Amino acid sequence: MTTTVNTATQAEVTLDTDTVDTIAILEAVAAPSSRPKRAKVTWVQEDQGEWIAGYGGYFGGSVDKRGDRYVASDTFGLVVGDFASLEEAQTKLEDQLHVMLPSVIRPVE
């Protein structure tokens, strides 16, 4: 007589945003170098001191001027960082979007 016993168990894991970001960055670094180019990023000044990023046709996030600083927030509304210039904030957000939204990566037009 033979008896098969399945002792496999599954655990539910909850990850915080920083851990998810770290995993996404590690996966992006490990990706082959033959990746397609980044999706096209477009910027629109929505209002005085507010710029909206379009990433491959999707909402990519925003940069808001607060005093003499520029705060970038990603597509999920999470703050990417606080920067001294608009250009720095936009560049950092674009880099973050490329990592956070890899399924949106399309050839540049």
PDB file of N, CA and C in Angstrom:
ATOM      1  N   MET A   1       0.839  -1.159   0.000  1.00  0.00           N
ATOM      2  CA  MET A   1       0.000   0.000   0.000  1.00  0.00           C
ATOM      3  C   MET A   1       0.895   1.236   0.000  1.00  0.00           C
ATOM      4  N   THR A   2       0.570   2.228  -0.869  1.00  0.00           N
ATOM      5  CA  THR A   2       1.326   3.461  -0.976  1.00  0.00           C
ATOM      6  C   THR A   2       0.409   4.627  -0.674  1.00  0.00           C
ATOM      7  N   THR A   3       0.912   5.568   0.130  1.00  0.00           N
ATOM      8  CA  THR A   3       0.145   6.762   0.463  1.00  0.00           C
ATOM      9  C   THR A   3       0.981   7.984   0.104  1.00  0.00           C
ATOM     10  N   THR A   4       0.379   8.915  -0.649  1.00  0.00           N
ATOM     11  CA  THR A   4       1.061  10.146  -1.015  1.00  0.00           C
ATOM     12  C   THR A   4       0.548  11.263  -0.118  1.00  0.00           C
ATOM     13  N   VAL A   5       1.484  11.952   0.497  1.00  0.00           N
ATOM     14  CA  VAL A   5       1.120  13.050   1.385  1.00  0.00           C
ATOM     15  C   VAL A   5       1.693  14.337   0.810  1.00  0.00           C
ATOM     16  N   ASN A   6       0.855  15.340   0.621  1.00  0.00           N
ATOM     17  CA  ASN A   6       1.294  16.636   0.121  1.00  0.00           C
ATOM     18  C   ASN A   6       1.481  17.568   1.316  1.00  0.00           C
ATOM     19  N   THR A   7       2.738  17.948   1.566  1.00  0.00           N
ATOM     20  CA  THR A   7       3.014  18.817   2.708  1.00  0.00           C
ATOM     21  C   THR A   7       3.365  20.238   2.287  1.00  0.00           C
ATOM     22  N   ALA A   8       3.118  20.548   1.026  1.00  0.00           N
ATOM     23  CA  ALA A   8       3.434  21.903   0.545  1.00  0.00           C
ATOM     24  C   ALA A   8       2.479  22.909   1.181  1.00  0.00           C
ATOM     25  N   THR A   9       3.038  24.009   1.615  1.00  0.00           N
ATOM     26  CA  THR A   9       2.220  25.078   2.169  1.00  0.00           C
ATOM     27  C   THR A   9       2.516  26.365   1.415  1.00  0.00           C
ATOM     28  N   GLN A  10       1.559  27.220   1.373  1.00  0.00           N
ATOM     29  CA  GLN A  10       1.734  28.511   0.733  1.00  0.00           C
ATOM     30  C   GLN A  10       1.558  29.594   1.775  1.00  0.00           C
ATOM     31  N   ALA A  11       2.382  30.596   1.648  1.00  0.00           N
ATOM     32  CA  ALA A  11       2.288  31.724   2.574  1.00  0.00           C
ATOM     33  C   ALA A  11       1.921  32.972   1.794  1.00  0.00           C
ATOM     34  N   GLU A  12       1.136  33.807   2.401  1.00  0.00           N
ATOM     35  CA  GLU A  12       0.773  35.067   1.785  1.00  0.00           C
ATOM     36  C   GLU A  12       1.746  36.127   2.269  1.00  0.00           C
ATOM     37  N   VAL A  13       2.279  36.882   1.332  1.00  0.00           N
ATOM     38  CA  VAL A  13       3.282  37.885   1.664  1.00  0.00           C
ATOM     39  C   VAL A  13       2.774  39.247   1.232  1.00  0.00           C
ATOM     40  N   THR A  14       2.942  40.227   2.088  1.00  0.00           N
ATOM     41  CA  THR A  14       2.593  41.603   1.758  1.00  0.00           C
ATOM     42  C   THR A  14       3.882  42.398   1.650  1.00  0.00           C
ATOM     43  N   LEU A  15       4.044  43.105   0.513  1.00  0.00           N
ATOM     44  CA  LEU A  15       5.253  43.885   0.282  1.00  0.00           C
ATOM     45  C   LEU A  15       4.934  45.366   0.323  1.00  0.00           C
ATOM     46  N   ASP A  16       5.833  46.141   0.924  1.00  0.00           N
ATOM     47  CA  ASP A  16       5.652  47.585   0.945  1.00  0.00           C
ATOM     48  C   ASP A  16       6.153  48.166  -0.376  1.00  0.00           C
ATOM     49  N   THR A  17       5.836  49.407  -0.642  1.00  0.00           N
ATOM     50  CA  THR A  17       6.173  50.068  -1.903  1.00  0.00           C
ATOM     51  C   THR A  17       7.673  50.098  -2.150  1.00  0.00           C
ATOM     52  N   ASP A  18       8.473  50.346  -1.121  1.00  0.00           N
ATOM     53  CA  ASP A  18       9.927  50.387  -1.292  1.00  0.00           C
ATOM     54  C   ASP A  18      10.465  49.042  -1.756  1.00  0.00           C
ATOM     55  N   THR A  19       9.925  47.954  -1.214  1.00  0.00           N
ATOM     56  CA  THR A  19      10.366  46.615  -1.619  1.00  0.00           C
ATOM     57  C   THR A  19       9.974  46.337  -3.065  1.00  0.00           C
ATOM     58  N   VAL A  20       8.761  46.714  -3.446  1.00  0.00           N
ATOM     59  CA  VAL A  20       8.316  46.524  -4.827  1.00  0.00           C
ATOM     60  C   VAL A  20       9.196  47.333  -5.770  1.00  0.00           C
ATOM     61  N   ASP A  21       9.521  48.576  -5.397  1.00  0.00           N
ATOM     62  CA  ASP A  21      10.409  49.417  -6.218  1.00  0.00           C
ATOM     63  C   ASP A  21      11.776  48.762  -6.366  1.00  0.00           C
ATOM     64  N   THR A  22      12.309  48.230  -5.275  1.00  0.00           N
ATOM     65  CA  THR A  22      13.625  47.581  -5.313  1.00  0.00           C
ATOM     66  C   THR A  22      13.603  46.366  -6.227  1.00  0.00           C
ATOM     67  N   ILE A  23      12.565  45.562  -6.145  1.00  0.00           N
ATOM     68  CA  ILE A  23      12.437  44.383  -7.006  1.00  0.00           C
ATOM     69  C   ILE A  23      12.363  44.812  -8.472  1.00  0.00           C
ATOM     70  N   ALA A  24      11.586  45.848  -8.770  1.00  0.00           N
ATOM     71  CA  ALA A  24      11.467  46.327 -10.145  1.00  0.00           C
ATOM     72  C   ALA A  24      12.806  46.817 -10.676  1.00  0.00           C
ATOM     73  N   ILE A  25      13.555  47.527  -9.843  1.00  0.00           N
ATOM     74  CA  ILE A  25      14.873  48.027 -10.262  1.00  0.00           C
ATOM     75  C   ILE A  25      15.828  46.877 -10.504  1.00  0.00           C
ATOM     76  N   LEU A  26      15.830  45.886  -9.615  1.00  0.00           N
ATOM     77  CA  LEU A  26      16.702  44.730  -9.794  1.00  0.00           C
ATOM     78  C   LEU A  26      16.355  43.957 -11.059  1.00  0.00           C
ATOM     79  N   GLU A  27      15.072  43.797 -11.337  1.00  0.00           N
ATOM     80  CA  GLU A  27      14.666  43.115 -12.561  1.00  0.00           C
ATOM     81  C   GLU A  27      15.088  43.906 -13.788  1.00  0.00           C
ATOM     82  N   ALA A  28      14.978  45.222 -13.726  1.00  0.00           N
ATOM     83  CA  ALA A  28      15.365  46.055 -14.863  1.00  0.00           C
ATOM     84  C   ALA A  28      16.862  45.964 -15.115  1.00  0.00           C
ATOM     85  N   VAL A  29      17.660  45.924 -14.056  1.00  0.00           N
ATOM     86  CA  VAL A  29      19.111  45.821 -14.199  1.00  0.00           C
ATOM     87  C   VAL A  29      19.492  44.465 -14.767  1.00  0.00           C
ATOM     88  N   ALA A  30      18.753  43.428 -14.391  1.00  0.00           N
ATOM     89  CA  ALA A  30      19.058  42.074 -14.839  1.00  0.00           C
ATOM     90  C   ALA A  30      18.554  41.795 -16.255  1.00  0.00           C
ATOM     91  N   ALA A  31      17.745  42.668 -16.809  1.00  0.00           N
ATOM     92  CA  ALA A  31      17.184  42.462 -18.145  1.00  0.00           C
ATOM     93  C   ALA A  31      18.291  42.510 -19.194  1.00  0.00           C
ATOM     94  N   PRO A  32      18.115  41.797 -20.279  1.00  0.00           N
ATOM     95  CA  PRO A  32      19.126  41.812 -21.334  1.00  0.00           C
ATOM     96  C   PRO A  32      19.308  43.205 -21.923  1.00  0.00           C
ATOM     97  N   SER A  33      20.478  43.454 -22.439  1.00  0.00           N
ATOM     98  CA  SER A  33      20.785  44.777 -22.974  1.00  0.00           C
ATOM     99  C   SER A  33      20.070  45.065 -24.291  1.00  0.00           C
ATOM    100  N   SER A  34      19.393  44.089 -24.847  1.00  0.00           N
ATOM    101  CA  SER A  34      18.689  44.297 -26.109  1.00  0.00           C
ATOM    102  C   SER A  34      17.261  44.798 -25.900  1.00  0.00           C
ATOM    103  N   ARG A  35      17.001  45.393 -24.746  1.00  0.00           N
ATOM    104  CA  ARG A  35      15.676  45.959 -24.457  1.00  0.00           C
ATOM    105  C   ARG A  35      15.285  46.991 -25.486  1.00  0.00           C
ATOM    106  N   PRO A  36      14.016  47.102 -25.763  1.00  0.00           N
ATOM    107  CA  PRO A  36      13.584  48.174 -26.653  1.00  0.00           C
ATOM    108  C   PRO A  36      13.829  49.534 -26.011  1.00  0.00           C
ATOM    109  N   LYS A  37      13.833  50.559 -26.841  1.00  0.00           N
ATOM    110  CA  LYS A  37      14.012  51.911 -26.326  1.00  0.00           C
ATOM    111  C   LYS A  37      12.826  52.281 -25.445  1.00  0.00           C
ATOM    112  N   ARG A  38      13.019  53.324 -24.651  1.00  0.00           N
ATOM    113  CA  ARG A  38      11.948  53.778 -23.775  1.00  0.00           C
ATOM    114  C   ARG A  38      10.765  54.302 -24.563  1.00  0.00           C
ATOM    115  N   ALA A  39       9.621  54.240 -23.921  1.00  0.00           N
ATOM    116  CA  ALA A  39       8.432  54.849 -24.512  1.00  0.00           C
ATOM    117  C   ALA A  39       8.653  56.355 -24.580  1.00  0.00           C
ATOM    118  N   LYS A  40       7.961  56.969 -25.491  1.00  0.00           N
ATOM    119  CA  LYS A  40       8.086  58.424 -25.632  1.00  0.00           C
ATOM    120  C   LYS A  40       7.436  59.112 -24.439  1.00  0.00           C
ATOM    121  N   VAL A  41       8.158  60.060 -23.868  1.00  0.00           N
ATOM    122  CA  VAL A  41       7.643  60.856 -22.745  1.00  0.00           C
ATOM    123  C   VAL A  41       7.294  62.242 -23.283  1.00  0.00           C
ATOM    124  N   THR A  42       6.084  62.669 -22.996  1.00  0.00           N
ATOM    125  CA  THR A  42       5.667  64.017 -23.384  1.00  0.00           C
ATOM    126  C   THR A  42       5.347  64.794 -22.117  1.00  0.00           C
ATOM    127  N   TRP A  43       5.631  66.086 -22.148  1.00  0.00           N
ATOM    128  CA  TRP A  43       5.357  66.954 -21.008  1.00  0.00           C
ATOM    129  C   TRP A  43       4.408  68.065 -21.415  1.00  0.00           C
ATOM    130  N   VAL A  44       3.407  68.298 -20.587  1.00  0.00           N
ATOM    131  CA  VAL A  44       2.443  69.371 -20.800  1.00  0.00           C
ATOM    132  C   VAL A  44       2.379  70.195 -19.528  1.00  0.00           C
ATOM    133  N   GLN A  45       2.498  71.512 -19.675  1.00  0.00           N
ATOM    134  CA  GLN A  45       2.336  72.366 -18.500  1.00  0.00           C
ATOM    135  C   GLN A  45       0.845  72.585 -18.315  1.00  0.00           C
ATOM    136  N   GLU A  46       0.306  71.907 -17.323  1.00  0.00           N
ATOM    137  CA  GLU A  46      -1.135  71.919 -17.061  1.00  0.00           C
ATOM    138  C   GLU A  46      -1.581  73.236 -16.452  1.00  0.00           C
ATOM    139  N   ASP A  47      -0.788  73.758 -15.553  1.00  0.00           N
ATOM    140  CA  ASP A  47      -1.129  74.969 -14.829  1.00  0.00           C
ATOM    141  C   ASP A  47       0.185  75.626 -14.412  1.00  0.00           C
ATOM    142  N   GLN A  48       0.110  76.823 -13.873  1.00  0.00           N
ATOM    143  CA  GLN A  48       1.321  77.482 -13.395  1.00  0.00           C
ATOM    144  C   GLN A  48       1.966  76.610 -12.313  1.00  0.00           C
ATOM    145  N   GLY A  49       3.187  76.134 -12.563  1.00  0.00           N
ATOM    146  CA  GLY A  49       3.900  75.324 -11.579  1.00  0.00           C
ATOM    147  C   GLY A  49       3.507  73.862 -11.560  1.00  0.00           C
ATOM    148  N   GLU A  50       2.828  73.362 -12.609  1.00  0.00           N
ATOM    149  CA  GLU A  50       2.436  71.951 -12.654  1.00  0.00           C
ATOM    150  C   GLU A  50       2.655  71.397 -14.060  1.00  0.00           C
ATOM    151  N   TRP A  51       3.458  70.333 -14.157  1.00  0.00           N
ATOM    152  CA  TRP A  51       3.749  69.679 -15.430  1.00  0.00           C
ATOM    153  C   TRP A  51       3.292  68.232 -15.349  1.00  0.00           C
ATOM    154  N   ILE A  52       2.633  67.771 -16.403  1.00  0.00           N
ATOM    155  CA  ILE A  52       2.091  66.417 -16.461  1.00  0.00           C
ATOM    156  C   ILE A  52       2.893  65.612 -17.485  1.00  0.00           C
ATOM    157  N   ALA A  53       3.285  64.388 -17.095  1.00  0.00           N
ATOM    158  CA  ALA A  53       4.037  63.504 -17.993  1.00  0.00           C
ATOM    159  C   ALA A  53       3.094  62.501 -18.638  1.00  0.00           C
ATOM    160  N   GLY A  54       3.237  62.354 -19.943  1.00  0.00           N
ATOM    161  CA  GLY A  54       2.572  61.284 -20.666  1.00  0.00           C
ATOM    162  C   GLY A  54       3.637  60.265 -21.013  1.00  0.00           C
ATOM    163  N   TYR A  55       3.397  58.997 -20.721  1.00  0.00           N
ATOM    164  CA  TYR A  55       4.397  57.952 -20.946  1.00  0.00           C
ATOM    165  C   TYR A  55       3.802  56.867 -21.833  1.00  0.00           C
ATOM    166  N   GLY A  56       4.215  56.859 -23.095  1.00  0.00           N
ATOM    167  CA  GLY A  56       3.691  55.865 -24.030  1.00  0.00           C
ATOM    168  C   GLY A  56       2.190  55.962 -24.195  1.00  0.00           C
ATOM    169  N   GLY A  57       1.646  57.171 -24.067  1.00  0.00           N
ATOM    170  CA  GLY A  57       0.208  57.364 -24.204  1.00  0.00           C
ATOM    171  C   GLY A  57      -0.568  57.246 -22.904  1.00  0.00           C
ATOM    172  N   TYR A  58       0.118  56.994 -21.802  1.00  0.00           N
ATOM    173  CA  TYR A  58      -0.518  56.842 -20.499  1.00  0.00           C
ATOM    174  C   TYR A  58      -0.090  57.982 -19.571  1.00  0.00           C
ATOM    175  N   PHE A  59      -0.870  58.212 -18.507  1.00  0.00           N
ATOM    176  CA  PHE A  59      -0.487  59.192 -17.499  1.00  0.00           C
ATOM    177  C   PHE A  59       0.752  58.663 -16.790  1.00  0.00           C
ATOM    178  N   GLY A  60       1.826  59.467 -16.798  1.00  0.00           N
ATOM    179  CA  GLY A  60       3.077  59.024 -16.199  1.00  0.00           C
ATOM    180  C   GLY A  60       3.365  59.631 -14.847  1.00  0.00           C
ATOM    181  N   GLY A  61       2.694  60.705 -14.498  1.00  0.00           N
ATOM    182  CA  GLY A  61       2.959  61.363 -13.234  1.00  0.00           C
ATOM    183  C   GLY A  61       3.000  62.861 -13.424  1.00  0.00           C
ATOM    184  N   SER A  62       3.563  63.558 -12.443  1.00  0.00           N
ATOM    185  CA  SER A  62       3.587  65.008 -12.524  1.00  0.00           C
ATOM    186  C   SER A  62       4.780  65.581 -11.767  1.00  0.00           C
ATOM    187  N   VAL A  63       5.074  66.825 -12.086  1.00  0.00           N
ATOM    188  CA  VAL A  63       6.066  67.596 -11.348  1.00  0.00           C
ATOM    189  C   VAL A  63       5.372  68.878 -10.918  1.00  0.00           C
ATOM    190  N   ASP A  64       5.433  69.154  -9.622  1.00  0.00           N
ATOM    191  CA  ASP A  64       4.806  70.351  -9.062  1.00  0.00           C
ATOM    192  C   ASP A  64       5.877  71.246  -8.461  1.00  0.00           C
ATOM    193  N   LYS A  65       5.771  72.550  -8.746  1.00  0.00           N
ATOM    194  CA  LYS A  65       6.694  73.509  -8.147  1.00  0.00           C
ATOM    195  C   LYS A  65       6.138  73.905  -6.785  1.00  0.00           C
ATOM    196  N   ARG A  66       6.971  73.713  -5.761  1.00  0.00           N
ATOM    197  CA  ARG A  66       6.591  74.074  -4.388  1.00  0.00           C
ATOM    198  C   ARG A  66       7.684  74.977  -3.842  1.00  0.00           C
ATOM    199  N   GLY A  67       7.393  76.257  -3.809  1.00  0.00           N
ATOM    200  CA  GLY A  67       8.407  77.231  -3.411  1.00  0.00           C
ATOM    201  C   GLY A  67       9.473  77.294  -4.483  1.00  0.00           C
ATOM    202  N   ASP A  68      10.709  77.032  -4.109  1.00  0.00           N
ATOM    203  CA  ASP A  68      11.786  77.028  -5.095  1.00  0.00           C
ATOM    204  C   ASP A  68      12.236  75.604  -5.423  1.00  0.00           C
ATOM    205  N   ARG A  69      11.428  74.598  -5.075  1.00  0.00           N
ATOM    206  CA  ARG A  69      11.750  73.186  -5.307  1.00  0.00           C
ATOM    207  C   ARG A  69      10.738  72.572  -6.269  1.00  0.00           C
ATOM    208  N   TYR A  70      11.086  71.436  -6.855  1.00  0.00           N
ATOM    209  CA  TYR A  70      10.217  70.711  -7.782  1.00  0.00           C
ATOM    210  C   TYR A  70      10.029  69.298  -7.249  1.00  0.00           C
ATOM    211  N   VAL A  71       8.775  68.916  -7.017  1.00  0.00           N
ATOM    212  CA  VAL A  71       8.453  67.604  -6.464  1.00  0.00           C
ATOM    213  C   VAL A  71       7.855  66.743  -7.569  1.00  0.00           C
ATOM    214  N   ALA A  72       8.502  65.601  -7.830  1.00  0.00           N
ATOM    215  CA  ALA A  72       8.032  64.661  -8.854  1.00  0.00           C
ATOM    216  C   ALA A  72       7.250  63.542  -8.191  1.00  0.00           C
ATOM    217  N   SER A  73       6.093  63.203  -8.772  1.00  0.00           N
ATOM    218  CA  SER A  73       5.262  62.097  -8.302  1.00  0.00           C
ATOM    219  C   SER A  73       4.992  61.172  -9.477  1.00  0.00           C
ATOM    220  N   ASP A  74       5.040  59.861  -9.232  1.00  0.00           N
ATOM    221  CA  ASP A  74       4.869  58.903 -10.317  1.00  0.00           C
ATOM    222  C   ASP A  74       3.404  58.669 -10.666  1.00  0.00           C
ATOM    223  N   THR A  75       3.170  57.738 -11.554  1.00  0.00           N
ATOM    224  CA  THR A  75       1.825  57.449 -12.047  1.00  0.00           C
ATOM    225  C   THR A  75       0.871  56.986 -10.946  1.00  0.00           C
ATOM    226  N   PHE A  76       1.426  56.493  -9.834  1.00  0.00           N
ATOM    227  CA  PHE A  76       0.616  56.023  -8.715  1.00  0.00           C
ATOM    228  C   PHE A  76       0.450  57.081  -7.632  1.00  0.00           C
ATOM    229  N   GLY A  77       1.019  58.279  -7.867  1.00  0.00           N
ATOM    230  CA  GLY A  77       0.917  59.361  -6.900  1.00  0.00           C
ATOM    231  C   GLY A  77       1.978  59.318  -5.818  1.00  0.00           C
ATOM    232  N   LEU A  78       2.942  58.412  -5.942  1.00  0.00           N
ATOM    233  CA  LEU A  78       4.013  58.310  -4.955  1.00  0.00           C
ATOM    234  C   LEU A  78       5.123  59.297  -5.292  1.00  0.00           C
ATOM    235  N   VAL A  79       5.636  59.976  -4.287  1.00  0.00           N
ATOM    236  CA  VAL A  79       6.679  60.976  -4.508  1.00  0.00           C
ATOM    237  C   VAL A  79       7.977  60.275  -4.900  1.00  0.00           C
ATOM    238  N   VAL A  80       8.531  60.705  -6.035  1.00  0.00           N
ATOM    239  CA  VAL A  80       9.801  60.190  -6.538  1.00  0.00           C
ATOM    240  C   VAL A  80      10.958  60.947  -5.900  1.00  0.00           C
ATOM    241  N   GLY A  81      10.756  62.240  -5.680  1.00  0.00           N
ATOM    242  CA  GLY A  81      11.804  63.029  -5.060  1.00  0.00           C
ATOM    243  C   GLY A  81      11.528  64.508  -5.120  1.00  0.00           C
ATOM    244  N   ASP A  82      12.398  65.256  -4.456  1.00  0.00           N
ATOM    245  CA  ASP A  82      12.329  66.711  -4.361  1.00  0.00           C
ATOM    246  C   ASP A  82      13.616  67.235  -4.997  1.00  0.00           C
ATOM    247  N   PHE A  83      13.510  68.133  -5.982  1.00  0.00           N
ATOM    248  CA  PHE A  83      14.664  68.525  -6.780  1.00  0.00           C
ATOM    249  C   PHE A  83      14.811  70.041  -6.879  1.00  0.00           C
ATOM    250  N   ALA A  84      16.033  70.460  -7.165  1.00  0.00           N
ATOM    251  CA  ALA A  84      16.335  71.887  -7.269  1.00  0.00           C
ATOM    252  C   ALA A  84      15.899  72.470  -8.606  1.00  0.00           C
ATOM    253  N   SER A  85      15.776  71.637  -9.645  1.00  0.00           N
ATOM    254  CA  SER A  85      15.384  72.155 -10.960  1.00  0.00           C
ATOM    255  C   SER A  85      14.296  71.289 -11.589  1.00  0.00           C
ATOM    256  N   LEU A  86      13.558  71.897 -12.487  1.00  0.00           N
ATOM    257  CA  LEU A  86      12.517  71.189 -13.233  1.00  0.00           C
ATOM    258  C   LEU A  86      13.126  70.061 -14.045  1.00  0.00           C
ATOM    259  N   GLU A  87      14.260  70.323 -14.681  1.00  0.00           N
ATOM    260  CA  GLU A  87      14.907  69.320 -15.524  1.00  0.00           C
ATOM    261  C   GLU A  87      15.308  68.084 -14.723  1.00  0.00           C
ATOM    262  N   GLU A  88      15.847  68.295 -13.519  1.00  0.00           N
ATOM    263  CA  GLU A  88      16.221  67.163 -12.667  1.00  0.00           C
ATOM    264  C   GLU A  88      14.991  66.332 -12.302  1.00  0.00           C
ATOM    265  N   ALA A  89      13.918  67.005 -11.933  1.00  0.00           N
ATOM    266  CA  ALA A  89      12.692  66.313 -11.536  1.00  0.00           C
ATOM    267  C   ALA A  89      12.120  65.517 -12.704  1.00  0.00           C
ATOM    268  N   GLN A  90      12.081  66.110 -13.877  1.00  0.00           N
ATOM    269  CA  GLN A  90      11.545  65.414 -15.049  1.00  0.00           C
ATOM    270  C   GLN A  90      12.412  64.212 -15.423  1.00  0.00           C
ATOM    271  N   THR A  91      13.725  64.380 -15.396  1.00  0.00           N
ATOM    272  CA  THR A  91      14.633  63.283 -15.741  1.00  0.00           C
ATOM    273  C   THR A  91      14.475  62.118 -14.770  1.00  0.00           C
ATOM    274  N   LYS A  92      14.421  62.405 -13.478  1.00  0.00           N
ATOM    275  CA  LYS A  92      14.267  61.344 -12.475  1.00  0.00           C
ATOM    276  C   LYS A  92      12.938  60.628 -12.641  1.00  0.00           C
ATOM    277  N   LEU A  93      11.863  61.372 -12.905  1.00  0.00           N
ATOM    278  CA  LEU A  93      10.565  60.742 -13.107  1.00  0.00           C
ATOM    279  C   LEU A  93      10.583  59.867 -14.349  1.00  0.00           C
ATOM    280  N   GLU A  94      11.175  60.341 -15.432  1.00  0.00           N
ATOM    281  CA  GLU A  94      11.272  59.539 -16.650  1.00  0.00           C
ATOM    282  C   GLU A  94      12.033  58.238 -16.391  1.00  0.00           C
ATOM    283  N   ASP A  95      13.140  58.313 -15.667  1.00  0.00           N
ATOM    284  CA  ASP A  95      13.907  57.112 -15.327  1.00  0.00           C
ATOM    285  C   ASP A  95      13.070  56.144 -14.486  1.00  0.00           C
ATOM    286  N   GLN A  96      12.330  56.676 -13.536  1.00  0.00           N
ATOM    287  CA  GLN A  96      11.488  55.854 -12.670  1.00  0.00           C
ATOM    288  C   GLN A  96      10.380  55.169 -13.465  1.00  0.00           C
ATOM    289  N   LEU A  97       9.778  55.887 -14.401  1.00  0.00           N
ATOM    290  CA  LEU A  97       8.700  55.316 -15.205  1.00  0.00           C
ATOM    291  C   LEU A  97       9.202  54.156 -16.047  1.00  0.00           C
ATOM    292  N   HIS A  98      10.394  54.270 -16.558  1.00  0.00           N
ATOM    293  CA  HIS A  98      10.963  53.208 -17.381  1.00  0.00           C
ATOM    294  C   HIS A  98      11.124  51.916 -16.584  1.00  0.00           C
ATOM    295  N   VAL A  99      11.393  52.058 -15.293  1.00  0.00           N
ATOM    296  CA  VAL A  99      11.542  50.898 -14.421  1.00  0.00           C
ATOM    297  C   VAL A  99      10.178  50.400 -13.932  1.00  0.00           C
ATOM    298  N   MET A 100       9.309  51.340 -13.526  1.00  0.00           N
ATOM    299  CA  MET A 100       8.027  50.975 -12.933  1.00  0.00           C
ATOM    300  C   MET A 100       7.001  50.450 -13.925  1.00  0.00           C
ATOM    301  N   LEU A 101       7.086  50.895 -15.178  1.00  0.00           N
ATOM    302  CA  LEU A 101       6.087  50.506 -16.172  1.00  0.00           C
ATOM    303  C   LEU A 101       6.745  49.812 -17.367  1.00  0.00           C
ATOM    304  N   PRO A 102       7.453  48.701 -17.132  1.00  0.00           N
ATOM    305  CA  PRO A 102       8.164  48.064 -18.248  1.00  0.00           C
ATOM    306  C   PRO A 102       7.239  47.557 -19.341  1.00  0.00           C
ATOM    307  N   SER A 103       5.992  47.240 -19.034  1.00  0.00           N
ATOM    308  CA  SER A 103       5.087  46.742 -20.069  1.00  0.00           C
ATOM    309  C   SER A 103       4.657  47.833 -21.038  1.00  0.00           C
ATOM    310  N   VAL A 104       4.950  49.091 -20.706  1.00  0.00           N
ATOM    311  CA  VAL A 104       4.588  50.217 -21.565  1.00  0.00           C
ATOM    312  C   VAL A 104       5.726  50.551 -22.529  1.00  0.00           C
ATOM    313  N   ILE A 105       6.868  49.909 -22.348  1.00  0.00           N
ATOM    314  CA  ILE A 105       8.026  50.218 -23.170  1.00  0.00           C
ATOM    315  C   ILE A 105       7.692  49.954 -24.637  1.00  0.00           C
ATOM    316  N   ARG A 106       7.840  50.983 -25.437  1.00  0.00           N
ATOM    317  CA  ARG A 106       7.612  50.884 -26.878  1.00  0.00           C
ATOM    318  C   ARG A 106       8.719  51.658 -27.566  1.00  0.00           C
ATOM    319  N   PRO A 107       8.992  51.337 -28.808  1.00  0.00           N
ATOM    320  CA  PRO A 107      10.015  52.106 -29.515  1.00  0.00           C
ATOM    321  C   PRO A 107       9.661  53.580 -29.566  1.00  0.00           C
ATOM    322  N   VAL A 108      10.675  54.420 -29.486  1.00  0.00           N
ATOM    323  CA  VAL A 108      10.471  55.859 -29.604  1.00  0.00           C
ATOM    324  C   VAL A 108      10.062  56.167 -31.025  1.00  0.00           C
ATOM    325  N   GLU A 109       9.088  57.062 -31.170  1.00  0.00           N
ATOM    326  CA  GLU A 109       8.596  57.433 -32.506  1.00  0.00           C
ATOM    327  C   GLU A 109       9.644  58.177 -33.289  1.00  0.00           C
TER     328      GLU A 109
END
